[in-house]
């Protein structure tokens, strides 16, 4: 069975525990601002999903250069 970890935005209360859970993952999905938590944890997500409204300028380009895929949704909800 493939292990999948989803990193969402919000408060990263226990970074060491989150890092330990995410490292052995076969697939890491960051949801929008969760990509910043992945960066804090030293993890490169396989995919970033969301409207990217909480991603700072330049971050999408940085991740794309590392081979990260994006599934972008419209900002309008």
PDB file of N, CA and C in Angstrom:
ATOM      1  N   UNK A   1       0.831  -1.166   0.000  1.00  0.00           N
ATOM      2  CA  UNK A   1       0.000   0.000   0.000  1.00  0.00           C
ATOM      3  C   UNK A   1       0.889   1.247   0.000  1.00  0.00           C
ATOM      4  N   UNK A   2       0.515   2.204  -0.810  1.00  0.00           N
ATOM      5  CA  UNK A   2       1.272   3.440  -0.938  1.00  0.00           C
ATOM      6  C   UNK A   2       0.912   4.402   0.192  1.00  0.00           C
ATOM      7  N   UNK A   3       1.902   4.974   0.821  1.00  0.00           N
ATOM      8  CA  UNK A   3       1.683   5.946   1.896  1.00  0.00           C
ATOM      9  C   UNK A   3       1.582   7.336   1.289  1.00  0.00           C
ATOM     10  N   UNK A   4       0.523   8.067   1.658  1.00  0.00           N
ATOM     11  CA  UNK A   4       0.291   9.413   1.159  1.00  0.00           C
ATOM     12  C   UNK A   4       0.176  10.352   2.353  1.00  0.00           C
ATOM     13  N   UNK A   5       0.861  11.493   2.275  1.00  0.00           N
ATOM     14  CA  UNK A   5       0.780  12.509   3.316  1.00  0.00           C
ATOM     15  C   UNK A   5       0.272  13.789   2.675  1.00  0.00           C
ATOM     16  N   UNK A   6      -0.720  14.412   3.337  1.00  0.00           N
ATOM     17  CA  UNK A   6      -1.265  15.688   2.876  1.00  0.00           C
ATOM     18  C   UNK A   6      -0.873  16.748   3.895  1.00  0.00           C
ATOM     19  N   UNK A   7      -0.226  17.801   3.422  1.00  0.00           N
ATOM     20  CA  UNK A   7       0.191  18.900   4.288  1.00  0.00           C
ATOM     21  C   UNK A   7      -0.707  20.090   3.976  1.00  0.00           C
ATOM     22  N   UNK A   8      -1.497  20.499   4.963  1.00  0.00           N
ATOM     23  CA  UNK A   8      -2.424  21.606   4.789  1.00  0.00           C
ATOM     24  C   UNK A   8      -1.884  22.866   5.450  1.00  0.00           C
ATOM     25  N   UNK A   9      -2.515  23.976   5.152  1.00  0.00           N
ATOM     26  CA  UNK A   9      -2.156  25.245   5.771  1.00  0.00           C
ATOM     27  C   UNK A   9      -2.734  25.288   7.179  1.00  0.00           C
ATOM     28  N   UNK A  10      -2.261  26.176   8.003  1.00  0.00           N
ATOM     29  CA  UNK A  10      -2.740  26.301   9.377  1.00  0.00           C
ATOM     30  C   UNK A  10      -1.545  26.402  10.308  1.00  0.00           C
ATOM     31  N   UNK A  11      -1.769  26.129  11.568  1.00  0.00           N
ATOM     32  CA  UNK A  11      -0.700  26.210  12.558  1.00  0.00           C
ATOM     33  C   UNK A  11       0.100  24.914  12.549  1.00  0.00           C
ATOM     34  N   UNK A  12       1.393  25.046  12.421  1.00  0.00           N
ATOM     35  CA  UNK A  12       2.287  23.885  12.448  1.00  0.00           C
ATOM     36  C   UNK A  12       2.807  23.752  13.880  1.00  0.00           C
ATOM     37  N   UNK A  13       2.001  23.114  14.718  1.00  0.00           N
ATOM     38  CA  UNK A  13       2.282  23.059  16.155  1.00  0.00           C
ATOM     39  C   UNK A  13       3.438  22.132  16.519  1.00  0.00           C
ATOM     40  N   UNK A  14       3.591  21.047  15.786  1.00  0.00           N
ATOM     41  CA  UNK A  14       4.609  20.048  16.128  1.00  0.00           C
ATOM     42  C   UNK A  14       5.440  19.698  14.883  1.00  0.00           C
ATOM     43  N   UNK A  15       6.347  20.584  14.488  1.00  0.00           N
ATOM     44  CA  UNK A  15       7.092  20.360  13.251  1.00  0.00           C
ATOM     45  C   UNK A  15       7.910  19.078  13.239  1.00  0.00           C
ATOM     46  N   UNK A  16       8.507  18.703  14.347  1.00  0.00           N
ATOM     47  CA  UNK A  16       9.315  17.475  14.359  1.00  0.00           C
ATOM     48  C   UNK A  16       8.447  16.244  14.115  1.00  0.00           C
ATOM     49  N   UNK A  17       7.279  16.206  14.728  1.00  0.00           N
ATOM     50  CA  UNK A  17       6.359  15.082  14.524  1.00  0.00           C
ATOM     51  C   UNK A  17       5.850  15.062  13.084  1.00  0.00           C
ATOM     52  N   UNK A  18       5.527  16.240  12.543  1.00  0.00           N
ATOM     53  CA  UNK A  18       5.057  16.314  11.161  1.00  0.00           C
ATOM     54  C   UNK A  18       6.138  15.853  10.191  1.00  0.00           C
ATOM     55  N   UNK A  19       7.369  16.267  10.432  1.00  0.00           N
ATOM     56  CA  UNK A  19       8.492  15.872   9.579  1.00  0.00           C
ATOM     57  C   UNK A  19       8.678  14.360   9.618  1.00  0.00           C
ATOM     58  N   UNK A  20       8.587  13.777  10.787  1.00  0.00           N
ATOM     59  CA  UNK A  20       8.757  12.322  10.937  1.00  0.00           C
ATOM     60  C   UNK A  20       7.664  11.565  10.199  1.00  0.00           C
ATOM     61  N   UNK A  21       6.454  12.091  10.208  1.00  0.00           N
ATOM     62  CA  UNK A  21       5.354  11.424   9.510  1.00  0.00           C
ATOM     63  C   UNK A  21       5.466  11.565   7.998  1.00  0.00           C
ATOM     64  N   UNK A  22       5.949  12.700   7.545  1.00  0.00           N
ATOM     65  CA  UNK A  22       5.986  12.972   6.108  1.00  0.00           C
ATOM     66  C   UNK A  22       7.172  12.337   5.406  1.00  0.00           C
ATOM     67  N   UNK A  23       8.289  12.195   6.067  1.00  0.00           N
ATOM     68  CA  UNK A  23       9.511  11.700   5.412  1.00  0.00           C
ATOM     69  C   UNK A  23       9.355  10.332   4.751  1.00  0.00           C
ATOM     70  N   UNK A  24       8.721   9.354   5.401  1.00  0.00           N
ATOM     71  CA  UNK A  24       8.651   8.047   4.729  1.00  0.00           C
ATOM     72  C   UNK A  24       7.540   7.952   3.682  1.00  0.00           C
ATOM     73  N   UNK A  25       6.865   9.062   3.403  1.00  0.00           N
ATOM     74  CA  UNK A  25       5.733   9.022   2.486  1.00  0.00           C
ATOM     75  C   UNK A  25       6.180   8.730   1.059  1.00  0.00           C
ATOM     76  N   UNK A  26       5.352   7.984   0.358  1.00  0.00           N
ATOM     77  CA  UNK A  26       5.606   7.715  -1.053  1.00  0.00           C
ATOM     78  C   UNK A  26       5.102   8.879  -1.908  1.00  0.00           C
ATOM     79  N   UNK A  27       4.115   9.623  -1.385  1.00  0.00           N
ATOM     80  CA  UNK A  27       3.534  10.743  -2.117  1.00  0.00           C
ATOM     81  C   UNK A  27       3.197  11.843  -1.116  1.00  0.00           C
ATOM     82  N   UNK A  28       3.697  13.050  -1.360  1.00  0.00           N
ATOM     83  CA  UNK A  28       3.391  14.187  -0.498  1.00  0.00           C
ATOM     84  C   UNK A  28       2.603  15.204  -1.310  1.00  0.00           C
ATOM     85  N   UNK A  29       1.414  15.537  -0.803  1.00  0.00           N
ATOM     86  CA  UNK A  29       0.550  16.526  -1.428  1.00  0.00           C
ATOM     87  C   UNK A  29       0.468  17.715  -0.485  1.00  0.00           C
ATOM     88  N   UNK A  30       0.812  18.900  -0.982  1.00  0.00           N
ATOM     89  CA  UNK A  30       0.668  20.125  -0.198  1.00  0.00           C
ATOM     90  C   UNK A  30      -0.556  20.861  -0.708  1.00  0.00           C
ATOM     91  N   UNK A  31      -1.388  21.287   0.224  1.00  0.00           N
ATOM     92  CA  UNK A  31      -2.591  22.015  -0.154  1.00  0.00           C
ATOM     93  C   UNK A  31      -2.348  23.499   0.071  1.00  0.00           C
ATOM     94  N   UNK A  32      -2.238  24.218  -1.029  1.00  0.00           N
ATOM     95  CA  UNK A  32      -2.077  25.669  -1.029  1.00  0.00           C
ATOM     96  C   UNK A  32      -0.973  26.115  -0.067  1.00  0.00           C
ATOM     97  N   UNK A  33      -1.306  26.800   1.016  1.00  0.00           N
ATOM     98  CA  UNK A  33      -0.302  27.304   1.958  1.00  0.00           C
ATOM     99  C   UNK A  33       0.456  26.210   2.678  1.00  0.00           C
ATOM    100  N   UNK A  34      -0.020  24.992   2.587  1.00  0.00           N
ATOM    101  CA  UNK A  34       0.714  23.863   3.158  1.00  0.00           C
ATOM    102  C   UNK A  34       2.071  23.683   2.498  1.00  0.00           C
ATOM    103  N   UNK A  35       2.232  24.250   1.303  1.00  0.00           N
ATOM    104  CA  UNK A  35       3.532  24.174   0.631  1.00  0.00           C
ATOM    105  C   UNK A  35       4.595  24.924   1.431  1.00  0.00           C
ATOM    106  N   UNK A  36       4.178  25.962   2.165  1.00  0.00           N
ATOM    107  CA  UNK A  36       5.131  26.695   3.009  1.00  0.00           C
ATOM    108  C   UNK A  36       5.529  25.864   4.225  1.00  0.00           C
ATOM    109  N   UNK A  37       4.580  25.093   4.759  1.00  0.00           N
ATOM    110  CA  UNK A  37       4.920  24.180   5.853  1.00  0.00           C
ATOM    111  C   UNK A  37       5.886  23.106   5.353  1.00  0.00           C
ATOM    112  N   UNK A  38       5.653  22.617   4.139  1.00  0.00           N
ATOM    113  CA  UNK A  38       6.561  21.617   3.567  1.00  0.00           C
ATOM    114  C   UNK A  38       7.969  22.195   3.477  1.00  0.00           C
ATOM    115  N   UNK A  39       8.068  23.441   3.051  1.00  0.00           N
ATOM    116  CA  UNK A  39       9.382  24.091   2.949  1.00  0.00           C
ATOM    117  C   UNK A  39      10.038  24.185   4.326  1.00  0.00           C
ATOM    118  N   UNK A  40       9.266  24.593   5.336  1.00  0.00           N
ATOM    119  CA  UNK A  40       9.764  24.679   6.710  1.00  0.00           C
ATOM    120  C   UNK A  40      10.279  23.325   7.191  1.00  0.00           C
ATOM    121  N   UNK A  41       9.591  22.260   6.778  1.00  0.00           N
ATOM    122  CA  UNK A  41       9.955  20.905   7.200  1.00  0.00           C
ATOM    123  C   UNK A  41      11.087  20.309   6.368  1.00  0.00           C
ATOM    124  N   UNK A  42      11.502  21.012   5.313  1.00  0.00           N
ATOM    125  CA  UNK A  42      12.557  20.492   4.450  1.00  0.00           C
ATOM    126  C   UNK A  42      12.062  19.414   3.508  1.00  0.00           C
ATOM    127  N   UNK A  43      10.779  19.479   3.157  1.00  0.00           N
ATOM    128  CA  UNK A  43      10.144  18.467   2.307  1.00  0.00           C
ATOM    129  C   UNK A  43       9.732  19.113   0.994  1.00  0.00           C
ATOM    130  N   UNK A  44      10.035  18.466  -0.108  1.00  0.00           N
ATOM    131  CA  UNK A  44       9.587  18.925  -1.416  1.00  0.00           C
ATOM    132  C   UNK A  44       8.346  18.112  -1.767  1.00  0.00           C
ATOM    133  N   UNK A  45       7.189  18.770  -1.870  1.00  0.00           N
ATOM    134  CA  UNK A  45       5.979  18.021  -2.198  1.00  0.00           C
ATOM    135  C   UNK A  45       6.024  17.519  -3.637  1.00  0.00           C
ATOM    136  N   UNK A  46       5.301  16.444  -3.874  1.00  0.00           N
ATOM    137  CA  UNK A  46       5.175  15.941  -5.239  1.00  0.00           C
ATOM    138  C   UNK A  46       4.169  16.772  -6.020  1.00  0.00           C
ATOM    139  N   UNK A  47       3.116  17.208  -5.319  1.00  0.00           N
ATOM    140  CA  UNK A  47       2.028  17.956  -5.941  1.00  0.00           C
ATOM    141  C   UNK A  47       1.581  19.053  -4.982  1.00  0.00           C
ATOM    142  N   UNK A  48       1.235  20.219  -5.539  1.00  0.00           N
ATOM    143  CA  UNK A  48       0.583  21.282  -4.780  1.00  0.00           C
ATOM    144  C   UNK A  48      -0.793  21.478  -5.402  1.00  0.00           C
ATOM    145  N   UNK A  49      -1.826  21.448  -4.544  1.00  0.00           N
ATOM    146  CA  UNK A  49      -3.210  21.590  -4.995  1.00  0.00           C
ATOM    147  C   UNK A  49      -3.808  22.833  -4.352  1.00  0.00           C
ATOM    148  N   UNK A  50      -4.555  23.618  -5.113  1.00  0.00           N
ATOM    149  CA  UNK A  50      -5.261  24.762  -4.555  1.00  0.00           C
ATOM    150  C   UNK A  50      -5.293  25.931  -5.508  1.00  0.00           C
ATOM    151  N   UNK A  51      -5.793  27.057  -4.993  1.00  0.00           N
ATOM    152  CA  UNK A  51      -5.843  28.257  -5.834  1.00  0.00           C
ATOM    153  C   UNK A  51      -4.581  29.099  -5.687  1.00  0.00           C
ATOM    154  N   UNK A  52      -3.686  28.689  -4.813  1.00  0.00           N
ATOM    155  CA  UNK A  52      -2.377  29.306  -4.587  1.00  0.00           C
ATOM    156  C   UNK A  52      -2.474  30.729  -4.054  1.00  0.00           C
ATOM    157  N   UNK A  53      -3.612  31.078  -3.442  1.00  0.00           N
ATOM    158  CA  UNK A  53      -3.774  32.435  -2.925  1.00  0.00           C
ATOM    159  C   UNK A  53      -2.939  32.710  -1.675  1.00  0.00           C
ATOM    160  N   UNK A  54      -2.482  31.664  -1.001  1.00  0.00           N
ATOM    161  CA  UNK A  54      -1.653  31.886   0.193  1.00  0.00           C
ATOM    162  C   UNK A  54      -0.184  31.564  -0.062  1.00  0.00           C
ATOM    163  N   UNK A  55       0.177  31.479  -1.329  1.00  0.00           N
ATOM    164  CA  UNK A  55       1.565  31.198  -1.692  1.00  0.00           C
ATOM    165  C   UNK A  55       2.250  32.509  -2.084  1.00  0.00           C
ATOM    166  N   UNK A  56       3.370  32.841  -1.455  1.00  0.00           N
ATOM    167  CA  UNK A  56       4.041  34.102  -1.805  1.00  0.00           C
ATOM    168  C   UNK A  56       4.593  34.101  -3.229  1.00  0.00           C
ATOM    169  N   UNK A  57       4.779  35.285  -3.741  1.00  0.00           N
ATOM    170  CA  UNK A  57       5.325  35.449  -5.095  1.00  0.00           C
ATOM    171  C   UNK A  57       6.652  34.711  -5.216  1.00  0.00           C
ATOM    172  N   UNK A  58       6.817  34.022  -6.300  1.00  0.00           N
ATOM    173  CA  UNK A  58       8.064  33.313  -6.572  1.00  0.00           C
ATOM    174  C   UNK A  58       8.091  31.879  -6.063  1.00  0.00           C
ATOM    175  N   UNK A  59       7.202  31.540  -5.138  1.00  0.00           N
ATOM    176  CA  UNK A  59       7.236  30.190  -4.570  1.00  0.00           C
ATOM    177  C   UNK A  59       6.809  29.129  -5.587  1.00  0.00           C
ATOM    178  N   UNK A  60       5.801  29.438  -6.406  1.00  0.00           N
ATOM    179  CA  UNK A  60       5.375  28.471  -7.421  1.00  0.00           C
ATOM    180  C   UNK A  60       6.515  28.206  -8.404  1.00  0.00           C
ATOM    181  N   UNK A  61       7.212  29.239  -8.806  1.00  0.00           N
ATOM    182  CA  UNK A  61       8.324  29.070  -9.742  1.00  0.00           C
ATOM    183  C   UNK A  61       9.448  28.251  -9.111  1.00  0.00           C
ATOM    184  N   UNK A  62       9.722  28.500  -7.837  1.00  0.00           N
ATOM    185  CA  UNK A  62      10.771  27.753  -7.128  1.00  0.00           C
ATOM    186  C   UNK A  62      10.428  26.272  -7.072  1.00  0.00           C
ATOM    187  N   UNK A  63       9.174  25.976  -6.727  1.00  0.00           N
ATOM    188  CA  UNK A  63       8.752  24.575  -6.626  1.00  0.00           C
ATOM    189  C   UNK A  63       8.696  23.912  -8.002  1.00  0.00           C
ATOM    190  N   UNK A  64       8.232  24.645  -9.004  1.00  0.00           N
ATOM    191  CA  UNK A  64       8.170  24.092 -10.359  1.00  0.00           C
ATOM    192  C   UNK A  64       9.564  23.719 -10.851  1.00  0.00           C
ATOM    193  N   UNK A  65      10.552  24.544 -10.507  1.00  0.00           N
ATOM    194  CA  UNK A  65      11.935  24.260 -10.906  1.00  0.00           C
ATOM    195  C   UNK A  65      12.463  22.984 -10.243  1.00  0.00           C
ATOM    196  N   UNK A  66      11.851  22.610  -9.119  1.00  0.00           N
ATOM    197  CA  UNK A  66      12.240  21.374  -8.424  1.00  0.00           C
ATOM    198  C   UNK A  66      11.451  20.163  -8.917  1.00  0.00           C
ATOM    199  N   UNK A  67      10.563  20.387  -9.893  1.00  0.00           N
ATOM    200  CA  UNK A  67       9.799  19.283 -10.457  1.00  0.00           C
ATOM    201  C   UNK A  67       8.445  19.046  -9.816  1.00  0.00           C
ATOM    202  N   UNK A  68       8.020  19.975  -8.964  1.00  0.00           N
ATOM    203  CA  UNK A  68       6.721  19.836  -8.308  1.00  0.00           C
ATOM    204  C   UNK A  68       5.612  20.096  -9.327  1.00  0.00           C
ATOM    205  N   UNK A  69       4.586  19.252  -9.297  1.00  0.00           N
ATOM    206  CA  UNK A  69       3.425  19.430 -10.171  1.00  0.00           C
ATOM    207  C   UNK A  69       2.370  20.264  -9.443  1.00  0.00           C
ATOM    208  N   UNK A  70       1.514  20.931 -10.205  1.00  0.00           N
ATOM    209  CA  UNK A  70       0.470  21.781  -9.643  1.00  0.00           C
ATOM    210  C   UNK A  70      -0.887  21.404 -10.217  1.00  0.00           C
ATOM    211  N   UNK A  71      -1.886  21.405  -9.349  1.00  0.00           N
ATOM    212  CA  UNK A  71      -3.282  21.282  -9.750  1.00  0.00           C
ATOM    213  C   UNK A  71      -3.932  22.551  -9.220  1.00  0.00           C
ATOM    214  N   UNK A  72      -4.125  23.523 -10.119  1.00  0.00           N
ATOM    215  CA  UNK A  72      -4.573  24.852  -9.716  1.00  0.00           C
ATOM    216  C   UNK A  72      -6.076  24.978  -9.935  1.00  0.00           C
ATOM    217  N   UNK A  73      -6.742  25.475  -8.899  1.00  0.00           N
ATOM    218  CA  UNK A  73      -8.186  25.698  -8.946  1.00  0.00           C
ATOM    219  C   UNK A  73      -8.455  27.194  -8.935  1.00  0.00           C
ATOM    220  N   UNK A  74      -9.609  27.620  -9.471  1.00  0.00           N
ATOM    221  CA  UNK A  74      -9.928  29.057  -9.489  1.00  0.00           C
ATOM    222  C   UNK A  74     -10.036  29.625  -8.075  1.00  0.00           C
ATOM    223  N   UNK A  75      -9.680  30.900  -7.931  1.00  0.00           N
ATOM    224  CA  UNK A  75      -9.768  31.581  -6.643  1.00  0.00           C
ATOM    225  C   UNK A  75     -11.221  31.765  -6.224  1.00  0.00           C
ATOM    226  N   UNK A  76     -12.093  32.003  -7.177  1.00  0.00           N
ATOM    227  CA  UNK A  76     -13.514  32.185  -6.871  1.00  0.00           C
ATOM    228  C   UNK A  76     -14.105  30.889  -6.342  1.00  0.00           C
ATOM    229  N   UNK A  77     -14.725  30.976  -5.177  1.00  0.00           N
ATOM    230  CA  UNK A  77     -15.295  29.779  -4.556  1.00  0.00           C
ATOM    231  C   UNK A  77     -16.777  29.715  -4.837  1.00  0.00           C
TER     232      UNK A  77
END
